[in-house]
Amino acid sequence: MTIRKGRRKKEERPFHEAVTDLLFSAMANHEDFVVTYEVNPATSKKEVHVMAGKLISPEVLGNLKGHIAEQLEGGSGYHIRQME
């Protein structure tokens, strides 16, 4: 009979550390960084999605900026910073 080894559980890093590392990596690689959430219909809980990569084309970015500009009075906002 073979002895079955259990899998070692990966030590889960705190969410804020994983997000920070992903942000720095995206900035270093000149990639997009997107944070959004949705409500899971099965559990009714909010799920946070953090994504990095070549995600947004210039056209999509323009559309997003326009959409946010229309909603600034309703509490939407964005931050722009020039990078060296």
PDB file of N, CA and C in Angstrom:
ATOM      1  N   MET A   1       0.831  -1.170   0.000  1.00  0.00           N
ATOM      2  CA  MET A   1       0.000   0.000   0.000  1.00  0.00           C
ATOM      3  C   MET A   1       0.884   1.245   0.000  1.00  0.00           C
ATOM      4  N   THR A   2       0.534   2.171  -0.826  1.00  0.00           N
ATOM      5  CA  THR A   2       1.316   3.402  -0.933  1.00  0.00           C
ATOM      6  C   THR A   2       0.831   4.425   0.083  1.00  0.00           C
ATOM      7  N   ILE A   3       1.793   5.110   0.603  1.00  0.00           N
ATOM      8  CA  ILE A   3       1.432   6.187   1.531  1.00  0.00           C
ATOM      9  C   ILE A   3       1.137   7.433   0.700  1.00  0.00           C
ATOM     10  N   ARG A   4      -0.009   7.973   0.936  1.00  0.00           N
ATOM     11  CA  ARG A   4      -0.417   9.155   0.181  1.00  0.00           C
ATOM     12  C   ARG A   4      -0.062  10.405   0.968  1.00  0.00           C
ATOM     13  N   LYS A   5       0.718  11.252   0.330  1.00  0.00           N
ATOM     14  CA  LYS A   5       1.094  12.496   0.986  1.00  0.00           C
ATOM     15  C   LYS A   5       0.025  13.549   0.713  1.00  0.00           C
ATOM     16  N   GLY A   6      -0.309  14.259   1.737  1.00  0.00           N
ATOM     17  CA  GLY A   6      -1.254  15.368   1.565  1.00  0.00           C
ATOM     18  C   GLY A   6      -0.551  16.552   0.923  1.00  0.00           C
ATOM     19  N   ARG A   7      -1.303  17.336   0.208  1.00  0.00           N
ATOM     20  CA  ARG A   7      -0.716  18.537  -0.393  1.00  0.00           C
ATOM     21  C   ARG A   7      -0.454  19.571   0.682  1.00  0.00           C
ATOM     22  N   ARG A   8       0.649  20.237   0.515  1.00  0.00           N
ATOM     23  CA  ARG A   8       0.919  21.351   1.412  1.00  0.00           C
ATOM     24  C   ARG A   8       0.077  22.528   0.963  1.00  0.00           C
ATOM     25  N   LYS A   9      -0.548  23.133   1.900  1.00  0.00           N
ATOM     26  CA  LYS A   9      -1.325  24.321   1.561  1.00  0.00           C
ATOM     27  C   LYS A   9      -0.368  25.478   1.365  1.00  0.00           C
ATOM     28  N   LYS A  10      -0.601  26.197   0.269  1.00  0.00           N
ATOM     29  CA  LYS A  10       0.202  27.393   0.067  1.00  0.00           C
ATOM     30  C   LYS A  10      -0.186  28.397   1.132  1.00  0.00           C
ATOM     31  N   GLU A  11       0.816  29.041   1.667  1.00  0.00           N
ATOM     32  CA  GLU A  11       0.495  30.078   2.637  1.00  0.00           C
ATOM     33  C   GLU A  11      -0.110  31.238   1.870  1.00  0.00           C
ATOM     34  N   GLU A  12      -1.340  31.552   2.195  1.00  0.00           N
ATOM     35  CA  GLU A  12      -1.989  32.656   1.510  1.00  0.00           C
ATOM     36  C   GLU A  12      -1.441  33.960   2.034  1.00  0.00           C
ATOM     37  N   ARG A  13      -1.057  34.803   1.087  1.00  0.00           N
ATOM     38  CA  ARG A  13      -0.573  36.127   1.462  1.00  0.00           C
ATOM     39  C   ARG A  13      -1.770  37.028   1.714  1.00  0.00           C
ATOM     40  N   PRO A  14      -1.595  38.016   2.560  1.00  0.00           N
ATOM     41  CA  PRO A  14      -2.685  38.973   2.757  1.00  0.00           C
ATOM     42  C   PRO A  14      -3.046  39.649   1.428  1.00  0.00           C
ATOM     43  N   PHE A  15      -4.319  39.934   1.255  1.00  0.00           N
ATOM     44  CA  PHE A  15      -4.825  40.500   0.009  1.00  0.00           C
ATOM     45  C   PHE A  15      -4.088  41.782  -0.372  1.00  0.00           C
ATOM     46  N   HIS A  16      -3.885  42.676   0.600  1.00  0.00           N
ATOM     47  CA  HIS A  16      -3.247  43.959   0.285  1.00  0.00           C
ATOM     48  C   HIS A  16      -1.809  43.773  -0.203  1.00  0.00           C
ATOM     49  N   GLU A  17      -1.109  42.766   0.274  1.00  0.00           N
ATOM     50  CA  GLU A  17       0.258  42.514  -0.201  1.00  0.00           C
ATOM     51  C   GLU A  17       0.247  42.012  -1.641  1.00  0.00           C
ATOM     52  N   ALA A  18      -0.660  41.109  -1.947  1.00  0.00           N
ATOM     53  CA  ALA A  18      -0.753  40.579  -3.310  1.00  0.00           C
ATOM     54  C   ALA A  18      -1.117  41.683  -4.292  1.00  0.00           C
ATOM     55  N   VAL A  19      -2.052  42.548  -3.905  1.00  0.00           N
ATOM     56  CA  VAL A  19      -2.473  43.645  -4.779  1.00  0.00           C
ATOM     57  C   VAL A  19      -1.335  44.639  -4.973  1.00  0.00           C
ATOM     58  N   THR A  20      -0.622  44.956  -3.908  1.00  0.00           N
ATOM     59  CA  THR A  20       0.504  45.884  -4.008  1.00  0.00           C
ATOM     60  C   THR A  20       1.574  45.337  -4.941  1.00  0.00           C
ATOM     61  N   ASP A  21       1.913  44.070  -4.796  1.00  0.00           N
ATOM     62  CA  ASP A  21       2.915  43.458  -5.673  1.00  0.00           C
ATOM     63  C   ASP A  21       2.458  43.472  -7.129  1.00  0.00           C
ATOM     64  N   LEU A  22       1.188  43.186  -7.351  1.00  0.00           N
ATOM     65  CA  LEU A  22       0.652  43.189  -8.713  1.00  0.00           C
ATOM     66  C   LEU A  22       0.687  44.594  -9.309  1.00  0.00           C
ATOM     67  N   LEU A  23       0.368  45.604  -8.502  1.00  0.00           N
ATOM     68  CA  LEU A  23       0.421  46.993  -8.967  1.00  0.00           C
ATOM     69  C   LEU A  23       1.840  47.382  -9.360  1.00  0.00           C
ATOM     70  N   PHE A  24       2.813  47.106  -8.500  1.00  0.00           N
ATOM     71  CA  PHE A  24       4.202  47.459  -8.805  1.00  0.00           C
ATOM     72  C   PHE A  24       4.700  46.721 -10.040  1.00  0.00           C
ATOM     73  N   SER A  25       4.328  45.474 -10.178  1.00  0.00           N
ATOM     74  CA  SER A  25       4.719  44.696 -11.349  1.00  0.00           C
ATOM     75  C   SER A  25       4.112  45.291 -12.616  1.00  0.00           C
ATOM     76  N   ALA A  26       2.836  45.647 -12.553  1.00  0.00           N
ATOM     77  CA  ALA A  26       2.168  46.239 -13.716  1.00  0.00           C
ATOM     78  C   ALA A  26       2.824  47.564 -14.099  1.00  0.00           C
ATOM     79  N   MET A  27       3.158  48.375 -13.109  1.00  0.00           N
ATOM     80  CA  MET A  27       3.801  49.665 -13.401  1.00  0.00           C
ATOM     81  C   MET A  27       5.181  49.456 -14.012  1.00  0.00           C
ATOM     82  N   ALA A  28       5.940  48.515 -13.480  1.00  0.00           N
ATOM     83  CA  ALA A  28       7.283  48.252 -13.995  1.00  0.00           C
ATOM     84  C   ALA A  28       7.241  47.732 -15.425  1.00  0.00           C
ATOM     85  N   ASN A  29       6.182  46.990 -15.764  1.00  0.00           N
ATOM     86  CA  ASN A  29       6.063  46.402 -17.102  1.00  0.00           C
ATOM     87  C   ASN A  29       5.190  47.224 -18.047  1.00  0.00           C
ATOM     88  N   HIS A  30       4.819  48.431 -17.611  1.00  0.00           N
ATOM     89  CA  HIS A  30       3.973  49.328 -18.424  1.00  0.00           C
ATOM     90  C   HIS A  30       2.678  48.636 -18.840  1.00  0.00           C
ATOM     91  N   GLU A  31       2.034  48.007 -17.869  1.00  0.00           N
ATOM     92  CA  GLU A  31       0.786  47.289 -18.115  1.00  0.00           C
ATOM     93  C   GLU A  31      -0.371  48.016 -17.427  1.00  0.00           C
ATOM     94  N   ASP A  32      -1.570  47.656 -17.823  1.00  0.00           N
ATOM     95  CA  ASP A  32      -2.767  48.201 -17.193  1.00  0.00           C
ATOM     96  C   ASP A  32      -2.994  47.500 -15.857  1.00  0.00           C
ATOM     97  N   PHE A  33      -3.645  48.210 -14.947  1.00  0.00           N
ATOM     98  CA  PHE A  33      -3.982  47.672 -13.633  1.00  0.00           C
ATOM     99  C   PHE A  33      -5.427  48.069 -13.360  1.00  0.00           C
ATOM    100  N   VAL A  34      -6.290  47.105 -13.184  1.00  0.00           N
ATOM    101  CA  VAL A  34      -7.717  47.373 -13.021  1.00  0.00           C
ATOM    102  C   VAL A  34      -8.213  46.705 -11.744  1.00  0.00           C
ATOM    103  N   VAL A  35      -8.957  47.462 -10.956  1.00  0.00           N
ATOM    104  CA  VAL A  35      -9.605  46.918  -9.765  1.00  0.00           C
ATOM    105  C   VAL A  35     -11.097  47.190  -9.909  1.00  0.00           C
ATOM    106  N   THR A  36     -11.895  46.167  -9.764  1.00  0.00           N
ATOM    107  CA  THR A  36     -13.347  46.322  -9.823  1.00  0.00           C
ATOM    108  C   THR A  36     -13.984  45.242  -8.962  1.00  0.00           C
ATOM    109  N   TYR A  37     -15.270  45.328  -8.797  1.00  0.00           N
ATOM    110  CA  TYR A  37     -15.952  44.283  -8.034  1.00  0.00           C
ATOM    111  C   TYR A  37     -17.293  43.978  -8.675  1.00  0.00           C
ATOM    112  N   GLU A  38     -17.819  42.849  -8.312  1.00  0.00           N
ATOM    113  CA  GLU A  38     -19.166  42.469  -8.726  1.00  0.00           C
ATOM    114  C   GLU A  38     -19.811  41.703  -7.584  1.00  0.00           C
ATOM    115  N   VAL A  39     -21.108  41.649  -7.614  1.00  0.00           N
ATOM    116  CA  VAL A  39     -21.833  40.874  -6.613  1.00  0.00           C
ATOM    117  C   VAL A  39     -22.082  39.487  -7.199  1.00  0.00           C
ATOM    118  N   ASN A  40     -21.629  38.476  -6.478  1.00  0.00           N
ATOM    119  CA  ASN A  40     -21.830  37.093  -6.903  1.00  0.00           C
ATOM    120  C   ASN A  40     -23.312  36.759  -6.759  1.00  0.00           C
ATOM    121  N   PRO A  41     -23.975  36.399  -7.860  1.00  0.00           N
ATOM    122  CA  PRO A  41     -25.411  36.127  -7.776  1.00  0.00           C
ATOM    123  C   PRO A  41     -25.755  34.916  -6.893  1.00  0.00           C
ATOM    124  N   ALA A  42     -24.851  33.981  -6.784  1.00  0.00           N
ATOM    125  CA  ALA A  42     -25.126  32.779  -5.984  1.00  0.00           C
ATOM    126  C   ALA A  42     -25.034  33.055  -4.484  1.00  0.00           C
ATOM    127  N   THR A  43     -24.064  33.902  -4.093  1.00  0.00           N
ATOM    128  CA  THR A  43     -23.838  34.132  -2.664  1.00  0.00           C
ATOM    129  C   THR A  43     -24.251  35.521  -2.196  1.00  0.00           C
ATOM    130  N   SER A  44     -24.507  36.426  -3.136  1.00  0.00           N
ATOM    131  CA  SER A  44     -24.833  37.834  -2.846  1.00  0.00           C
ATOM    132  C   SER A  44     -23.685  38.560  -2.153  1.00  0.00           C
ATOM    133  N   LYS A  45     -22.479  38.034  -2.270  1.00  0.00           N
ATOM    134  CA  LYS A  45     -21.306  38.689  -1.691  1.00  0.00           C
ATOM    135  C   LYS A  45     -20.535  39.413  -2.782  1.00  0.00           C
ATOM    136  N   LYS A  46     -19.852  40.508  -2.388  1.00  0.00           N
ATOM    137  CA  LYS A  46     -19.019  41.237  -3.338  1.00  0.00           C
ATOM    138  C   LYS A  46     -17.727  40.463  -3.568  1.00  0.00           C
ATOM    139  N   GLU A  47     -17.327  40.374  -4.821  1.00  0.00           N
ATOM    140  CA  GLU A  47     -16.054  39.756  -5.173  1.00  0.00           C
ATOM    141  C   GLU A  47     -15.187  40.820  -5.828  1.00  0.00           C
ATOM    142  N   VAL A  48     -13.980  40.984  -5.332  1.00  0.00           N
ATOM    143  CA  VAL A  48     -13.057  41.971  -5.878  1.00  0.00           C
ATOM    144  C   VAL A  48     -12.222  41.302  -6.955  1.00  0.00           C
ATOM    145  N   HIS A  49     -12.099  41.972  -8.084  1.00  0.00           N
ATOM    146  CA  HIS A  49     -11.276  41.481  -9.184  1.00  0.00           C
ATOM    147  C   HIS A  49     -10.119  42.460  -9.368  1.00  0.00           C
ATOM    148  N   VAL A  50      -8.902  41.952  -9.327  1.00  0.00           N
ATOM    149  CA  VAL A  50      -7.712  42.757  -9.558  1.00  0.00           C
ATOM    150  C   VAL A  50      -7.003  42.144 -10.748  1.00  0.00           C
ATOM    151  N   MET A  51      -6.815  42.947 -11.795  1.00  0.00           N
ATOM    152  CA  MET A  51      -6.258  42.425 -13.040  1.00  0.00           C
ATOM    153  C   MET A  51      -5.100  43.297 -13.499  1.00  0.00           C
ATOM    154  N   ALA A  52      -4.120  42.675 -14.128  1.00  0.00           N
ATOM    155  CA  ALA A  52      -2.995  43.407 -14.696  1.00  0.00           C
ATOM    156  C   ALA A  52      -2.640  42.776 -16.024  1.00  0.00           C
ATOM    157  N   GLY A  53      -2.150  43.593 -16.933  1.00  0.00           N
ATOM    158  CA  GLY A  53      -1.766  43.106 -18.256  1.00  0.00           C
ATOM    159  C   GLY A  53      -2.106  44.142 -19.304  1.00  0.00           C
ATOM    160  N   LYS A  54      -2.006  43.755 -20.549  1.00  0.00           N
ATOM    161  CA  LYS A  54      -2.378  44.635 -21.661  1.00  0.00           C
ATOM    162  C   LYS A  54      -3.885  44.512 -21.831  1.00  0.00           C
ATOM    163  N   LEU A  55      -4.637  45.287 -21.080  1.00  0.00           N
ATOM    164  CA  LEU A  55      -6.079  45.102 -20.987  1.00  0.00           C
ATOM    165  C   LEU A  55      -6.895  46.153 -21.728  1.00  0.00           C
ATOM    166  N   ILE A  56      -6.421  47.376 -21.743  1.00  0.00           N
ATOM    167  CA  ILE A  56      -7.255  48.477 -22.214  1.00  0.00           C
ATOM    168  C   ILE A  56      -6.597  49.179 -23.394  1.00  0.00           C
ATOM    169  N   SER A  57      -7.325  49.240 -24.498  1.00  0.00           N
ATOM    170  CA  SER A  57      -6.835  49.947 -25.684  1.00  0.00           C
ATOM    171  C   SER A  57      -7.049  51.451 -25.474  1.00  0.00           C
ATOM    172  N   PRO A  58      -6.365  52.295 -26.255  1.00  0.00           N
ATOM    173  CA  PRO A  58      -6.577  53.743 -26.133  1.00  0.00           C
ATOM    174  C   PRO A  58      -8.046  54.141 -26.328  1.00  0.00           C
ATOM    175  N   GLU A  59      -8.748  53.439 -27.207  1.00  0.00           N
ATOM    176  CA  GLU A  59     -10.159  53.758 -27.444  1.00  0.00           C
ATOM    177  C   GLU A  59     -11.000  53.459 -26.205  1.00  0.00           C
ATOM    178  N   VAL A  60     -10.755  52.318 -25.598  1.00  0.00           N
ATOM    179  CA  VAL A  60     -11.507  51.941 -24.400  1.00  0.00           C
ATOM    180  C   VAL A  60     -11.198  52.910 -23.262  1.00  0.00           C
ATOM    181  N   LEU A  61      -9.941  53.310 -23.127  1.00  0.00           N
ATOM    182  CA  LEU A  61      -9.568  54.267 -22.085  1.00  0.00           C
ATOM    183  C   LEU A  61     -10.307  55.582 -22.285  1.00  0.00           C
ATOM    184  N   GLY A  62     -10.383  56.041 -23.525  1.00  0.00           N
ATOM    185  CA  GLY A  62     -11.124  57.269 -23.817  1.00  0.00           C
ATOM    186  C   GLY A  62     -12.589  57.146 -23.433  1.00  0.00           C
ATOM    187  N   ASN A  63     -13.180  55.999 -23.736  1.00  0.00           N
ATOM    188  CA  ASN A  63     -14.583  55.769 -23.367  1.00  0.00           C
ATOM    189  C   ASN A  63     -14.772  55.761 -21.852  1.00  0.00           C
ATOM    190  N   LEU A  64     -13.842  55.118 -21.139  1.00  0.00           N
ATOM    191  CA  LEU A  64     -13.936  55.082 -19.676  1.00  0.00           C
ATOM    192  C   LEU A  64     -13.805  56.478 -19.079  1.00  0.00           C
ATOM    193  N   LYS A  65     -12.856  57.268 -19.581  1.00  0.00           N
ATOM    194  CA  LYS A  65     -12.683  58.637 -19.085  1.00  0.00           C
ATOM    195  C   LYS A  65     -13.945  59.458 -19.321  1.00  0.00           C
ATOM    196  N   GLY A  66     -14.529  59.309 -20.496  1.00  0.00           N
ATOM    197  CA  GLY A  66     -15.764  60.032 -20.796  1.00  0.00           C
ATOM    198  C   GLY A  66     -16.897  59.618 -19.878  1.00  0.00           C
ATOM    199  N   HIS A  67     -17.005  58.332 -19.628  1.00  0.00           N
ATOM    200  CA  HIS A  67     -18.055  57.807 -18.754  1.00  0.00           C
ATOM    201  C   HIS A  67     -17.881  58.337 -17.333  1.00  0.00           C
ATOM    202  N   ILE A  68     -16.651  58.359 -16.847  1.00  0.00           N
ATOM    203  CA  ILE A  68     -16.382  58.863 -15.497  1.00  0.00           C
ATOM    204  C   ILE A  68     -16.645  60.358 -15.427  1.00  0.00           C
ATOM    205  N   ALA A  69     -16.234  61.104 -16.462  1.00  0.00           N
ATOM    206  CA  ALA A  69     -16.452  62.554 -16.476  1.00  0.00           C
ATOM    207  C   ALA A  69     -17.938  62.885 -16.360  1.00  0.00           C
ATOM    208  N   GLU A  70     -18.786  62.065 -16.968  1.00  0.00           N
ATOM    209  CA  GLU A  70     -20.234  62.281 -16.880  1.00  0.00           C
ATOM    210  C   GLU A  70     -20.763  62.026 -15.476  1.00  0.00           C
ATOM    211  N   GLN A  71     -20.035  61.244 -14.684  1.00  0.00           N
ATOM    212  CA  GLN A  71     -20.526  60.840 -13.367  1.00  0.00           C
ATOM    213  C   GLN A  71     -19.757  61.462 -12.207  1.00  0.00           C
ATOM    214  N   LEU A  72     -18.922  62.469 -12.469  1.00  0.00           N
ATOM    215  CA  LEU A  72     -18.110  63.049 -11.398  1.00  0.00           C
ATOM    216  C   LEU A  72     -18.965  63.617 -10.268  1.00  0.00           C
ATOM    217  N   GLU A  73     -20.069  64.252 -10.602  1.00  0.00           N
ATOM    218  CA  GLU A  73     -20.915  64.827  -9.560  1.00  0.00           C
ATOM    219  C   GLU A  73     -21.597  63.751  -8.726  1.00  0.00           C
ATOM    220  N   GLY A  74     -21.732  62.566  -9.268  1.00  0.00           N
ATOM    221  CA  GLY A  74     -22.362  61.466  -8.541  1.00  0.00           C
ATOM    222  C   GLY A  74     -21.402  60.702  -7.651  1.00  0.00           C
ATOM    223  N   GLY A  75     -20.146  61.141  -7.584  1.00  0.00           N
ATOM    224  CA  GLY A  75     -19.188  60.495  -6.703  1.00  0.00           C
ATOM    225  C   GLY A  75     -18.106  59.702  -7.404  1.00  0.00           C
ATOM    226  N   SER A  76     -18.204  59.549  -8.724  1.00  0.00           N
ATOM    227  CA  SER A  76     -17.141  58.847  -9.449  1.00  0.00           C
ATOM    228  C   SER A  76     -15.900  59.728  -9.490  1.00  0.00           C
ATOM    229  N   GLY A  77     -14.769  59.124  -9.675  1.00  0.00           N
ATOM    230  CA  GLY A  77     -13.545  59.905  -9.757  1.00  0.00           C
ATOM    231  C   GLY A  77     -12.410  59.085 -10.314  1.00  0.00           C
ATOM    232  N   TYR A  78     -11.348  59.764 -10.647  1.00  0.00           N
ATOM    233  CA  TYR A  78     -10.142  59.086 -11.096  1.00  0.00           C
ATOM    234  C   TYR A  78      -8.947  59.958 -10.780  1.00  0.00           C
ATOM    235  N   HIS A  79      -7.797  59.371 -10.812  1.00  0.00           N
ATOM    236  CA  HIS A  79      -6.558  60.075 -10.484  1.00  0.00           C
ATOM    237  C   HIS A  79      -5.578  59.867 -11.621  1.00  0.00           C
ATOM    238  N   ILE A  80      -4.962  60.945 -12.055  1.00  0.00           N
ATOM    239  CA  ILE A  80      -3.965  60.862 -13.124  1.00  0.00           C
ATOM    240  C   ILE A  80      -2.637  61.358 -12.572  1.00  0.00           C
ATOM    241  N   ARG A  81      -1.594  60.622 -12.874  1.00  0.00           N
ATOM    242  CA  ARG A  81      -0.253  61.045 -12.464  1.00  0.00           C
ATOM    243  C   ARG A  81       0.704  60.758 -13.602  1.00  0.00           C
ATOM    244  N   GLN A  82       1.520  61.733 -13.945  1.00  0.00           N
ATOM    245  CA  GLN A  82       2.521  61.557 -14.992  1.00  0.00           C
ATOM    246  C   GLN A  82       3.656  60.695 -14.455  1.00  0.00           C
ATOM    247  N   MET A  83       4.078  59.739 -15.249  1.00  0.00           N
ATOM    248  CA  MET A  83       5.182  58.869 -14.847  1.00  0.00           C
ATOM    249  C   MET A  83       6.417  59.244 -15.651  1.00  0.00           C
ATOM    250  N   GLU A  84       7.541  59.091 -15.032  1.00  0.00           N
ATOM    251  CA  GLU A  84       8.804  59.411 -15.710  1.00  0.00           C
ATOM    252  C   GLU A  84       9.217  58.290 -16.615  1.00  0.00           C
TER     253      GLU A  84
END
